[in-house]
PDB file of N, CA and C in Angstrom:
ATOM      1  N   GLN A   1     157.005 -22.761 -70.102  1.00  0.00           N
ATOM      2  CA  GLN A   1     157.995 -22.731 -71.179  1.00  0.00           C
ATOM      3  C   GLN A   1     157.539 -21.786 -72.285  1.00  0.00           C
ATOM      4  N   VAL A   2     158.509 -21.387 -73.086  1.00  0.00           N
ATOM      5  CA  VAL A   2     158.211 -20.577 -74.259  1.00  0.00           C
ATOM      6  C   VAL A   2     159.101 -21.061 -75.391  1.00  0.00           C
ATOM      7  N   GLN A   3     158.560 -21.037 -76.594  1.00  0.00           N
ATOM      8  CA  GLN A   3     159.318 -21.395 -77.781  1.00  0.00           C
ATOM      9  C   GLN A   3     159.518 -20.134 -78.602  1.00  0.00           C
ATOM     10  N   LEU A   4     160.726 -19.962 -79.112  1.00  0.00           N
ATOM     11  CA  LEU A   4     161.096 -18.778 -79.874  1.00  0.00           C
ATOM     12  C   LEU A   4     161.564 -19.191 -81.263  1.00  0.00           C
ATOM     13  N   VAL A   5     161.065 -18.504 -82.274  1.00  0.00           N
ATOM     14  CA  VAL A   5     161.462 -18.789 -83.646  1.00  0.00           C
ATOM     15  C   VAL A   5     161.838 -17.480 -84.319  1.00  0.00           C
ATOM     16  N   GLU A   6     163.091 -17.392 -84.725  1.00  0.00           N
ATOM     17  CA  GLU A   6     163.570 -16.203 -85.423  1.00  0.00           C
ATOM     18  C   GLU A   6     163.347 -16.339 -86.928  1.00  0.00           C
ATOM     19  N   SER A   7     163.217 -15.208 -87.571  1.00  0.00           N
ATOM     20  CA  SER A   7     163.133 -15.171 -89.031  1.00  0.00           C
ATOM     21  C   SER A   7     163.619 -13.815 -89.500  1.00  0.00           C
ATOM     22  N   GLY A   8     163.872 -13.727 -90.795  1.00  0.00           N
ATOM     23  CA  GLY A   8     164.240 -12.443 -91.385  1.00  0.00           C
ATOM     24  C   GLY A   8     165.696 -12.290 -91.736  1.00  0.00           C
ATOM     25  N   GLY A   9     166.501 -13.290 -91.439  1.00  0.00           N
ATOM     26  CA  GLY A   9     167.909 -13.188 -91.795  1.00  0.00           C
ATOM     27  C   GLY A   9     168.119 -13.298 -93.294  1.00  0.00           C
ATOM     28  N   GLY A  10     169.345 -13.036 -93.707  1.00  0.00           N
ATOM     29  CA  GLY A  10     169.662 -13.145 -95.129  1.00  0.00           C
ATOM     30  C   GLY A  10     170.968 -12.479 -95.458  1.00  0.00           C
ATOM     31  N   LEU A  11     171.189 -12.306 -96.748  1.00  0.00           N
ATOM     32  CA  LEU A  11     172.390 -11.668 -97.268  1.00  0.00           C
ATOM     33  C   LEU A  11     172.066 -10.216 -97.573  1.00  0.00           C
ATOM     34  N   VAL A  12     172.923  -9.327 -97.122  1.00  0.00           N
ATOM     35  CA  VAL A  12     172.660  -7.908 -97.320  1.00  0.00           C
ATOM     36  C   VAL A  12     173.961  -7.194 -97.651  1.00  0.00           C
ATOM     37  N   GLN A  13     173.873  -6.210 -98.501  1.00  0.00           N
ATOM     38  CA  GLN A  13     175.050  -5.428 -98.861  1.00  0.00           C
ATOM     39  C   GLN A  13     175.347  -4.385 -97.785  1.00  0.00           C
ATOM     40  N   PRO A  14     176.578  -3.934 -97.700  1.00  0.00           N
ATOM     41  CA  PRO A  14     176.912  -2.889 -96.718  1.00  0.00           C
ATOM     42  C   PRO A  14     175.987  -1.688 -96.851  1.00  0.00           C
ATOM     43  N   GLY A  15     175.524  -1.215 -95.709  1.00  0.00           N
ATOM     44  CA  GLY A  15     174.595  -0.100 -95.696  1.00  0.00           C
ATOM     45  C   GLY A  15     173.145  -0.497 -95.789  1.00  0.00           C
ATOM     46  N   GLY A  16     172.885  -1.763 -96.023  1.00  0.00           N
ATOM     47  CA  GLY A  16     171.524  -2.237 -96.160  1.00  0.00           C
ATOM     48  C   GLY A  16     170.844  -2.468 -94.827  1.00  0.00           C
ATOM     49  N   SER A  17     169.604  -2.916 -94.897  1.00  0.00           N
ATOM     50  CA  SER A  17     168.787  -3.112 -93.698  1.00  0.00           C
ATOM     51  C   SER A  17     168.138  -4.484 -93.714  1.00  0.00           C
ATOM     52  N   LEU A  18     167.906  -4.993 -92.521  1.00  0.00           N
ATOM     53  CA  LEU A  18     167.133  -6.205 -92.325  1.00  0.00           C
ATOM     54  C   LEU A  18     166.298  -6.034 -91.064  1.00  0.00           C
ATOM     55  N   ARG A  19     165.174  -6.720 -91.032  1.00  0.00           N
ATOM     56  CA  ARG A  19     164.367  -6.763 -89.812  1.00  0.00           C
ATOM     57  C   ARG A  19     164.236  -8.225 -89.403  1.00  0.00           C
ATOM     58  N   LEU A  20     164.753  -8.533 -88.235  1.00  0.00           N
ATOM     59  CA  LEU A  20     164.634  -9.870 -87.679  1.00  0.00           C
ATOM     60  C   LEU A  20     163.405  -9.920 -86.773  1.00  0.00           C
ATOM     61  N   SER A  21     162.655 -10.984 -86.899  1.00  0.00           N
ATOM     62  CA  SER A  21     161.486 -11.173 -86.053  1.00  0.00           C
ATOM     63  C   SER A  21     161.705 -12.338 -85.098  1.00  0.00           C
ATOM     64  N   CYS A  22     161.053 -12.263 -83.957  1.00  0.00           N
ATOM     65  CA  CYS A  22     161.102 -13.328 -82.959  1.00  0.00           C
ATOM     66  C   CYS A  22     159.664 -13.677 -82.604  1.00  0.00           C
ATOM     67  N   ALA A  23     159.215 -14.815 -83.068  1.00  0.00           N
ATOM     68  CA  ALA A  23     157.851 -15.260 -82.790  1.00  0.00           C
ATOM     69  C   ALA A  23     157.862 -16.160 -81.570  1.00  0.00           C
ATOM     70  N   ALA A  24     157.087 -15.778 -80.567  1.00  0.00           N
ATOM     71  CA  ALA A  24     157.043 -16.534 -79.325  1.00  0.00           C
ATOM     72  C   ALA A  24     155.735 -17.304 -79.229  1.00  0.00           C
ATOM     73  N   SER A  25     155.802 -18.495 -78.668  1.00  0.00           N
ATOM     74  CA  SER A  25     154.609 -19.298 -78.397  1.00  0.00           C
ATOM     75  C   SER A  25     154.782 -19.991 -77.058  1.00  0.00           C
ATOM     76  N   GLY A  26     153.699 -20.449 -76.503  1.00  0.00           N
ATOM     77  CA  GLY A  26     153.742 -21.062 -75.187  1.00  0.00           C
ATOM     78  C   GLY A  26     153.293 -20.063 -74.133  1.00  0.00           C
ATOM     79  N   SER A  27     154.047 -19.954 -73.079  1.00  0.00           N
ATOM     80  CA  SER A  27     153.685 -19.084 -71.953  1.00  0.00           C
ATOM     81  C   SER A  27     154.083 -17.636 -72.216  1.00  0.00           C
ATOM     82  N   ILE A  28     153.527 -17.049 -73.263  1.00  0.00           N
ATOM     83  CA  ILE A  28     153.984 -15.725 -73.695  1.00  0.00           C
ATOM     84  C   ILE A  28     153.597 -14.636 -72.697  1.00  0.00           C
ATOM     85  N   LEU A  29     152.545 -14.853 -71.925  1.00  0.00           N
ATOM     86  CA  LEU A  29     152.150 -13.836 -70.954  1.00  0.00           C
ATOM     87  C   LEU A  29     153.124 -13.746 -69.794  1.00  0.00           C
ATOM     88  N   ARG A  30     153.999 -14.745 -69.685  1.00  0.00           N
ATOM     89  CA  ARG A  30     154.976 -14.736 -68.601  1.00  0.00           C
ATOM     90  C   ARG A  30     156.335 -14.202 -69.045  1.00  0.00           C
ATOM     91  N   ILE A  31     156.453 -13.800 -70.307  1.00  0.00           N
ATOM     92  CA  ILE A  31     157.742 -13.317 -70.795  1.00  0.00           C
ATOM     93  C   ILE A  31     158.117 -12.035 -70.072  1.00  0.00           C
ATOM     94  N   ASN A  32     159.313 -11.988 -69.571  1.00  0.00           N
ATOM     95  CA  ASN A  32     159.839 -10.827 -68.857  1.00  0.00           C
ATOM     96  C   ASN A  32     160.751 -10.043 -69.799  1.00  0.00           C
ATOM     97  N   ASN A  33     162.024 -10.255 -69.706  1.00  0.00           N
ATOM     98  CA  ASN A  33     162.973  -9.556 -70.584  1.00  0.00           C
ATOM     99  C   ASN A  33     163.190 -10.341 -71.870  1.00  0.00           C
ATOM    100  N   MET A  34     163.446  -9.609 -72.939  1.00  0.00           N
ATOM    101  CA  MET A  34     163.795 -10.238 -74.213  1.00  0.00           C
ATOM    102  C   MET A  34     165.077  -9.604 -74.745  1.00  0.00           C
ATOM    103  N   GLY A  35     165.767 -10.345 -75.564  1.00  0.00           N
ATOM    104  CA  GLY A  35     167.008  -9.809 -76.097  1.00  0.00           C
ATOM    105  C   GLY A  35     167.414 -10.499 -77.380  1.00  0.00           C
ATOM    106  N   TRP A  36     168.346  -9.876 -78.058  1.00  0.00           N
ATOM    107  CA  TRP A  36     168.983 -10.444 -79.245  1.00  0.00           C
ATOM    108  C   TRP A  36     170.479 -10.564 -78.974  1.00  0.00           C
ATOM    109  N   TYR A  37     171.006 -11.694 -79.326  1.00  0.00           N
ATOM    110  CA  TYR A  37     172.430 -11.968 -79.222  1.00  0.00           C
ATOM    111  C   TYR A  37     172.918 -12.435 -80.579  1.00  0.00           C
ATOM    112  N   ARG A  38     174.217 -12.398 -80.757  1.00  0.00           N
ATOM    113  CA  ARG A  38     174.770 -12.897 -82.015  1.00  0.00           C
ATOM    114  C   ARG A  38     176.056 -13.650 -81.754  1.00  0.00           C
ATOM    115  N   GLN A  39     176.353 -14.554 -82.670  1.00  0.00           N
ATOM    116  CA  GLN A  39     177.582 -15.334 -82.577  1.00  0.00           C
ATOM    117  C   GLN A  39     178.184 -15.468 -83.958  1.00  0.00           C
ATOM    118  N   ALA A  40     179.358 -14.907 -84.109  1.00  0.00           N
ATOM    119  CA  ALA A  40     180.103 -15.021 -85.358  1.00  0.00           C
ATOM    120  C   ALA A  40     181.004 -16.252 -85.281  1.00  0.00           C
ATOM    121  N   PRO A  41     181.426 -16.784 -86.424  1.00  0.00           N
ATOM    122  CA  PRO A  41     182.284 -17.977 -86.424  1.00  0.00           C
ATOM    123  C   PRO A  41     183.542 -17.763 -85.600  1.00  0.00           C
ATOM    124  N   GLY A  42     183.805 -18.682 -84.700  1.00  0.00           N
ATOM    125  CA  GLY A  42     185.013 -18.622 -83.886  1.00  0.00           C
ATOM    126  C   GLY A  42     184.960 -17.638 -82.743  1.00  0.00           C
ATOM    127  N   LYS A  43     183.797 -17.032 -82.527  1.00  0.00           N
ATOM    128  CA  LYS A  43     183.672 -16.043 -81.459  1.00  0.00           C
ATOM    129  C   LYS A  43     182.589 -16.463 -80.469  1.00  0.00           C
ATOM    130  N   LEU A  44     182.630 -15.849 -79.298  1.00  0.00           N
ATOM    131  CA  LEU A  44     181.627 -16.111 -78.288  1.00  0.00           C
ATOM    132  C   LEU A  44     180.324 -15.395 -78.635  1.00  0.00           C
ATOM    133  N   ARG A  45     179.232 -15.921 -78.121  1.00  0.00           N
ATOM    134  CA  ARG A  45     177.950 -15.254 -78.288  1.00  0.00           C
ATOM    135  C   ARG A  45     177.966 -13.953 -77.500  1.00  0.00           C
ATOM    136  N   GLU A  46     177.450 -12.882 -78.108  1.00  0.00           N
ATOM    137  CA  GLU A  46     177.490 -11.584 -77.457  1.00  0.00           C
ATOM    138  C   GLU A  46     176.140 -10.894 -77.538  1.00  0.00           C
ATOM    139  N   LEU A  47     175.895 -10.049 -76.550  1.00  0.00           N
ATOM    140  CA  LEU A  47     174.659  -9.289 -76.507  1.00  0.00           C
ATOM    141  C   LEU A  47     174.644  -8.242 -77.614  1.00  0.00           C
ATOM    142  N   VAL A  48     173.510  -8.143 -78.287  1.00  0.00           N
ATOM    143  CA  VAL A  48     173.296  -7.081 -79.268  1.00  0.00           C
ATOM    144  C   VAL A  48     172.396  -6.003 -78.664  1.00  0.00           C
ATOM    145  N   ALA A  49     171.241  -6.419 -78.157  1.00  0.00           N
ATOM    146  CA  ALA A  49     170.285  -5.471 -77.572  1.00  0.00           C
ATOM    147  C   ALA A  49     169.317  -6.247 -76.709  1.00  0.00           C
ATOM    148  N   ARG A  50     168.728  -5.543 -75.746  1.00  0.00           N
ATOM    149  CA  ARG A  50     167.719  -6.182 -74.915  1.00  0.00           C
ATOM    150  C   ARG A  50     166.677  -5.160 -74.519  1.00  0.00           C
ATOM    151  N   ILE A  51     165.504  -5.692 -74.148  1.00  0.00           N
ATOM    152  CA  ILE A  51     164.387  -4.847 -73.784  1.00  0.00           C
ATOM    153  C   ILE A  51     163.678  -5.478 -72.595  1.00  0.00           C
ATOM    154  N   THR A  52     163.321  -4.635 -71.618  1.00  0.00           N
ATOM    155  CA  THR A  52     162.662  -5.128 -70.427  1.00  0.00           C
ATOM    156  C   THR A  52     161.148  -5.151 -70.628  1.00  0.00           C
ATOM    157  N   THR A  53     160.470  -5.685 -69.646  1.00  0.00           N
ATOM    158  CA  THR A  53     159.012  -5.704 -69.680  1.00  0.00           C
ATOM    159  C   THR A  53     158.449  -4.290 -69.779  1.00  0.00           C
ATOM    160  N   GLY A  54     159.114  -3.351 -69.106  1.00  0.00           N
ATOM    161  CA  GLY A  54     158.656  -1.971 -69.108  1.00  0.00           C
ATOM    162  C   GLY A  54     159.042  -1.184 -70.345  1.00  0.00           C
ATOM    163  N   GLY A  55     159.789  -1.816 -71.231  1.00  0.00           N
ATOM    164  CA  GLY A  55     160.165  -1.146 -72.472  1.00  0.00           C
ATOM    165  C   GLY A  55     161.522  -0.471 -72.453  1.00  0.00           C
ATOM    166  N   SER A  56     162.249  -0.585 -71.365  1.00  0.00           N
ATOM    167  CA  SER A  56     163.604  -0.027 -71.337  1.00  0.00           C
ATOM    168  C   SER A  56     164.516  -0.857 -72.222  1.00  0.00           C
ATOM    169  N   THR A  57     165.385  -0.160 -72.929  1.00  0.00           N
ATOM    170  CA  THR A  57     166.278  -0.845 -73.864  1.00  0.00           C
ATOM    171  C   THR A  57     167.729  -0.502 -73.576  1.00  0.00           C
ATOM    172  N   ASN A  58     168.601  -1.419 -73.941  1.00  0.00           N
ATOM    173  CA  ASN A  58     170.004  -1.073 -73.999  1.00  0.00           C
ATOM    174  C   ASN A  58     170.653  -1.856 -75.128  1.00  0.00           C
ATOM    175  N   TYR A  59     171.709  -1.258 -75.654  1.00  0.00           N
ATOM    176  CA  TYR A  59     172.355  -1.743 -76.864  1.00  0.00           C
ATOM    177  C   TYR A  59     173.854  -1.888 -76.649  1.00  0.00           C
ATOM    178  N   ALA A  60     174.424  -2.848 -77.343  1.00  0.00           N
ATOM    179  CA  ALA A  60     175.880  -2.931 -77.403  1.00  0.00           C
ATOM    180  C   ALA A  60     176.396  -1.707 -78.151  1.00  0.00           C
ATOM    181  N   ASP A  61     177.581  -1.260 -77.771  1.00  0.00           N
ATOM    182  CA  ASP A  61     178.136  -0.057 -78.386  1.00  0.00           C
ATOM    183  C   ASP A  61     178.246  -0.198 -79.904  1.00  0.00           C
ATOM    184  N   PHE A  62     178.525  -1.393 -80.374  1.00  0.00           N
ATOM    185  CA  PHE A  62     178.778  -1.560 -81.805  1.00  0.00           C
ATOM    186  C   PHE A  62     177.502  -1.498 -82.649  1.00  0.00           C
ATOM    187  N   VAL A  63     176.320  -1.409 -82.025  1.00  0.00           N
ATOM    188  CA  VAL A  63     175.094  -1.279 -82.805  1.00  0.00           C
ATOM    189  C   VAL A  63     174.310  -0.016 -82.466  1.00  0.00           C
ATOM    190  N   LYS A  64     174.767   0.747 -81.506  1.00  0.00           N
ATOM    191  CA  LYS A  64     174.043   1.958 -81.119  1.00  0.00           C
ATOM    192  C   LYS A  64     173.881   2.897 -82.310  1.00  0.00           C
ATOM    193  N   GLY A  65     172.661   3.374 -82.479  1.00  0.00           N
ATOM    194  CA  GLY A  65     172.370   4.278 -83.578  1.00  0.00           C
ATOM    195  C   GLY A  65     172.046   3.571 -84.878  1.00  0.00           C
ATOM    196  N   ARG A  66     172.253   2.256 -84.919  1.00  0.00           N
ATOM    197  CA  ARG A  66     171.984   1.504 -86.156  1.00  0.00           C
ATOM    198  C   ARG A  66     170.849   0.500 -85.975  1.00  0.00           C
ATOM    199  N   PHE A  67     170.754  -0.111 -84.798  1.00  0.00           N
ATOM    200  CA  PHE A  67     169.760  -1.155 -84.534  1.00  0.00           C
ATOM    201  C   PHE A  67     168.715  -0.630 -83.566  1.00  0.00           C
ATOM    202  N   THR A  68     167.487  -1.144 -83.731  1.00  0.00           N
ATOM    203  CA  THR A  68     166.395  -0.800 -82.831  1.00  0.00           C
ATOM    204  C   THR A  68     165.674  -2.076 -82.433  1.00  0.00           C
ATOM    205  N   ILE A  69     165.488  -2.252 -81.134  1.00  0.00           N
ATOM    206  CA  ILE A  69     164.825  -3.459 -80.630  1.00  0.00           C
ATOM    207  C   ILE A  69     163.410  -3.124 -80.177  1.00  0.00           C
ATOM    208  N   SER A  70     162.484  -4.027 -80.474  1.00  0.00           N
ATOM    209  CA  SER A  70     161.171  -3.997 -79.861  1.00  0.00           C
ATOM    210  C   SER A  70     160.935  -5.392 -79.308  1.00  0.00           C
ATOM    211  N   ARG A  71     159.763  -5.608 -78.742  1.00  0.00           N
ATOM    212  CA  ARG A  71     159.514  -6.929 -78.166  1.00  0.00           C
ATOM    213  C   ARG A  71     159.215  -7.958 -79.262  1.00  0.00           C
ATOM    214  N   ASP A  72     159.074  -7.498 -80.505  1.00  0.00           N
ATOM    215  CA  ASP A  72     158.752  -8.408 -81.601  1.00  0.00           C
ATOM    216  C   ASP A  72     159.848  -8.526 -82.653  1.00  0.00           C
ATOM    217  N   TYR A  73     160.746  -7.540 -82.738  1.00  0.00           N
ATOM    218  CA  TYR A  73     161.700  -7.570 -83.831  1.00  0.00           C
ATOM    219  C   TYR A  73     162.977  -6.821 -83.469  1.00  0.00           C
ATOM    220  N   LEU A  74     163.957  -7.007 -84.312  1.00  0.00           N
ATOM    221  CA  LEU A  74     165.198  -6.237 -84.258  1.00  0.00           C
ATOM    222  C   LEU A  74     165.384  -5.597 -85.634  1.00  0.00           C
ATOM    223  N   GLN A  75     165.285  -4.296 -85.697  1.00  0.00           N
ATOM    224  CA  GLN A  75     165.504  -3.562 -86.943  1.00  0.00           C
ATOM    225  C   GLN A  75     166.987  -3.223 -87.043  1.00  0.00           C
ATOM    226  N   MET A  76     167.589  -3.671 -88.130  1.00  0.00           N
ATOM    227  CA  MET A  76     169.028  -3.458 -88.317  1.00  0.00           C
ATOM    228  C   MET A  76     169.250  -2.604 -89.545  1.00  0.00           C
ATOM    229  N   ASN A  77     169.822  -1.437 -89.365  1.00  0.00           N
ATOM    230  CA  ASN A  77     170.119  -0.518 -90.457  1.00  0.00           C
ATOM    231  C   ASN A  77     171.631  -0.318 -90.564  1.00  0.00           C
ATOM    232  N   SER A  78     172.042   0.205 -91.665  1.00  0.00           N
ATOM    233  CA  SER A  78     173.458   0.511 -91.902  1.00  0.00           C
ATOM    234  C   SER A  78     174.335  -0.701 -91.594  1.00  0.00           C
ATOM    235  N   LEU A  79     173.944  -1.830 -92.120  1.00  0.00           N
ATOM    236  CA  LEU A  79     174.669  -3.059 -91.812  1.00  0.00           C
ATOM    237  C   LEU A  79     176.080  -3.041 -92.370  1.00  0.00           C
ATOM    238  N   LYS A  80     176.969  -3.693 -91.639  1.00  0.00           N
ATOM    239  CA  LYS A  80     178.370  -3.774 -92.006  1.00  0.00           C
ATOM    240  C   LYS A  80     178.759  -5.240 -92.182  1.00  0.00           C
ATOM    241  N   PRO A  81     179.810  -5.509 -92.927  1.00  0.00           N
ATOM    242  CA  PRO A  81     180.255  -6.900 -93.060  1.00  0.00           C
ATOM    243  C   PRO A  81     180.522  -7.553 -91.700  1.00  0.00           C
ATOM    244  N   GLU A  82     181.008  -6.778 -90.744  1.00  0.00           N
ATOM    245  CA  GLU A  82     181.314  -7.336 -89.416  1.00  0.00           C
ATOM    246  C   GLU A  82     180.064  -7.659 -88.597  1.00  0.00           C
ATOM    247  N   ASP A  83     178.895  -7.328 -89.111  1.00  0.00           N
ATOM    248  CA  ASP A  83     177.652  -7.745 -88.454  1.00  0.00           C
ATOM    249  C   ASP A  83     177.276  -9.179 -88.812  1.00  0.00           C
ATOM    250  N   THR A  84     178.051  -9.795 -89.669  1.00  0.00           N
ATOM    251  CA  THR A  84     177.791 -11.177 -90.059  1.00  0.00           C
ATOM    252  C   THR A  84     177.862 -12.103 -88.858  1.00  0.00           C
ATOM    253  N   ALA A  85     176.785 -12.825 -88.626  1.00  0.00           N
ATOM    254  CA  ALA A  85     176.696 -13.723 -87.472  1.00  0.00           C
ATOM    255  C   ALA A  85     175.356 -14.446 -87.518  1.00  0.00           C
ATOM    256  N   VAL A  86     175.224 -15.432 -86.651  1.00  0.00           N
ATOM    257  CA  VAL A  86     173.911 -16.017 -86.386  1.00  0.00           C
ATOM    258  C   VAL A  86     173.296 -15.206 -85.248  1.00  0.00           C
ATOM    259  N   TYR A  87     172.085 -14.743 -85.453  1.00  0.00           N
ATOM    260  CA  TYR A  87     171.407 -13.914 -84.473  1.00  0.00           C
ATOM    261  C   TYR A  87     170.344 -14.743 -83.746  1.00  0.00           C
ATOM    262  N   TYR A  88     170.369 -14.660 -82.419  1.00  0.00           N
ATOM    263  CA  TYR A  88     169.485 -15.457 -81.574  1.00  0.00           C
ATOM    264  C   TYR A  88     168.569 -14.560 -80.748  1.00  0.00           C
ATOM    265  N   CYS A  89     167.338 -14.963 -80.657  1.00  0.00           N
ATOM    266  CA  CYS A  89     166.381 -14.327 -79.763  1.00  0.00           C
ATOM    267  C   CYS A  89     166.434 -15.053 -78.411  1.00  0.00           C
ATOM    268  N   ARG A  90     166.304 -14.295 -77.350  1.00  0.00           N
ATOM    269  CA  ARG A  90     166.396 -14.839 -75.997  1.00  0.00           C
ATOM    270  C   ARG A  90     165.287 -14.254 -75.143  1.00  0.00           C
ATOM    271  N   ALA A  91     164.737 -15.056 -74.256  1.00  0.00           N
ATOM    272  CA  ALA A  91     163.694 -14.578 -73.352  1.00  0.00           C
ATOM    273  C   ALA A  91     163.815 -15.262 -72.007  1.00  0.00           C
ATOM    274  N   ASP A  92     163.420 -14.526 -70.974  1.00  0.00           N
ATOM    275  CA  ASP A  92     163.258 -15.156 -69.676  1.00  0.00           C
ATOM    276  C   ASP A  92     161.838 -14.886 -69.185  1.00  0.00           C
ATOM    277  N   LEU A  93     161.385 -15.741 -68.291  1.00  0.00           N
ATOM    278  CA  LEU A  93     160.000 -15.695 -67.845  1.00  0.00           C
ATOM    279  C   LEU A  93     159.908 -15.337 -66.373  1.00  0.00           C
ATOM    280  N   PHE A  94     158.844 -14.677 -65.994  1.00  0.00           N
ATOM    281  CA  PHE A  94     158.551 -14.466 -64.579  1.00  0.00           C
ATOM    282  C   PHE A  94     158.368 -15.816 -63.911  1.00  0.00           C
ATOM    283  N   GLY A  95     159.009 -15.977 -62.759  1.00  0.00           N
ATOM    284  CA  GLY A  95     158.832 -17.201 -61.996  1.00  0.00           C
ATOM    285  C   GLY A  95     159.516 -18.416 -62.582  1.00  0.00           C
ATOM    286  N   ASP A  96     160.445 -18.213 -63.485  1.00  0.00           N
ATOM    287  CA  ASP A  96     161.140 -19.323 -64.136  1.00  0.00           C
ATOM    288  C   ASP A  96     162.616 -18.967 -64.208  1.00  0.00           C
ATOM    289  N   GLN A  97     163.459 -19.838 -63.681  1.00  0.00           N
ATOM    290  CA  GLN A  97     164.894 -19.543 -63.689  1.00  0.00           C
ATOM    291  C   GLN A  97     165.557 -19.863 -65.018  1.00  0.00           C
ATOM    292  N   ASN A  98     164.833 -20.505 -65.934  1.00  0.00           N
ATOM    293  CA  ASN A  98     165.438 -20.872 -67.212  1.00  0.00           C
ATOM    294  C   ASN A  98     165.525 -19.674 -68.155  1.00  0.00           C
ATOM    295  N   VAL A  99     166.403 -19.806 -69.104  1.00  0.00           N
ATOM    296  CA  VAL A  99     166.519 -18.843 -70.192  1.00  0.00           C
ATOM    297  C   VAL A  99     166.188 -19.591 -71.476  1.00  0.00           C
ATOM    298  N   TYR A 100     165.423 -18.967 -72.336  1.00  0.00           N
ATOM    299  CA  TYR A 100     164.980 -19.625 -73.555  1.00  0.00           C
ATOM    300  C   TYR A 100     165.596 -18.953 -74.773  1.00  0.00           C
ATOM    301  N   TRP A 101     166.017 -19.795 -75.717  1.00  0.00           N
ATOM    302  CA  TRP A 101     166.671 -19.326 -76.931  1.00  0.00           C
ATOM    303  C   TRP A 101     165.942 -19.851 -78.155  1.00  0.00           C
ATOM    304  N   GLY A 102     165.978 -19.061 -79.215  1.00  0.00           N
ATOM    305  CA  GLY A 102     165.538 -19.562 -80.499  1.00  0.00           C
ATOM    306  C   GLY A 102     166.668 -20.315 -81.176  1.00  0.00           C
ATOM    307  N   GLN A 103     166.399 -20.788 -82.381  1.00  0.00           N
ATOM    308  CA  GLN A 103     167.386 -21.609 -83.091  1.00  0.00           C
ATOM    309  C   GLN A 103     168.387 -20.755 -83.869  1.00  0.00           C
ATOM    310  N   GLY A 104     168.098 -19.477 -84.001  1.00  0.00           N
ATOM    311  CA  GLY A 104     169.006 -18.566 -84.674  1.00  0.00           C
ATOM    312  C   GLY A 104     168.650 -18.344 -86.133  1.00  0.00           C
ATOM    313  N   THR A 105     169.052 -17.189 -86.632  1.00  0.00           N
ATOM    314  CA  THR A 105     168.880 -16.870 -88.049  1.00  0.00           C
ATOM    315  C   THR A 105     170.169 -16.213 -88.541  1.00  0.00           C
ATOM    316  N   GLN A 106     170.610 -16.626 -89.712  1.00  0.00           N
ATOM    317  CA  GLN A 106     171.898 -16.174 -90.239  1.00  0.00           C
ATOM    318  C   GLN A 106     171.756 -14.813 -90.914  1.00  0.00           C
ATOM    319  N   VAL A 107     172.634 -13.907 -90.540  1.00  0.00           N
ATOM    320  CA  VAL A 107     172.752 -12.611 -91.206  1.00  0.00           C
ATOM    321  C   VAL A 107     174.148 -12.540 -91.808  1.00  0.00           C
ATOM    322  N   THR A 108     174.222 -12.287 -93.097  1.00  0.00           N
ATOM    323  CA  THR A 108     175.504 -12.220 -93.778  1.00  0.00           C
ATOM    324  C   THR A 108     175.611 -10.881 -94.480  1.00  0.00           C
ATOM    325  N   GLY A 109     176.604 -10.112 -94.066  1.00  0.00           N
ATOM    326  CA  GLY A 109     176.869  -8.839 -94.712  1.00  0.00           C
ATOM    327  C   GLY A 109     177.949  -9.024 -95.751  1.00  0.00           C
ATOM    328  N   SER A 110     177.633  -8.819 -96.990  1.00  0.00           N
ATOM    329  CA  SER A 110     178.617  -9.012 -98.052  1.00  0.00           C
ATOM    330  C   SER A 110     179.616  -7.866 -98.041  1.00  0.00           C
ATOM    331  N   SER A 111     180.798  -8.160 -98.487  1.00  0.00           N
ATOM    332  CA  SER A 111     181.849  -7.128 -98.499  1.00  0.00           C
ATOM    333  C   SER A 111     182.275  -6.807 -99.921  1.00  0.00           C
TER     334      SER A 111
END
């Protein structure tokens, strides 16, 4: 198992930046892919960005050029009010069919 704890959310003005962190504990050497997802009120949870064990990344179209993912954080630049959501860290492990989620951190873009 692995436990994930997000931090770094907050209130930000349009055009501002935030860095979200994902602290992992437990079987961290078995972590395979990691990702960030978000869920806005009344909407489904959606992929923001993900990174493989080898460092390959892919991004949702709505964050390309603005967000950067690493295995430890999500750097968010040029934030927009529509980026307002709870952001979740996600991980899967080698040899484990489960998917692990953090508790989420709120990002609010003021308008």
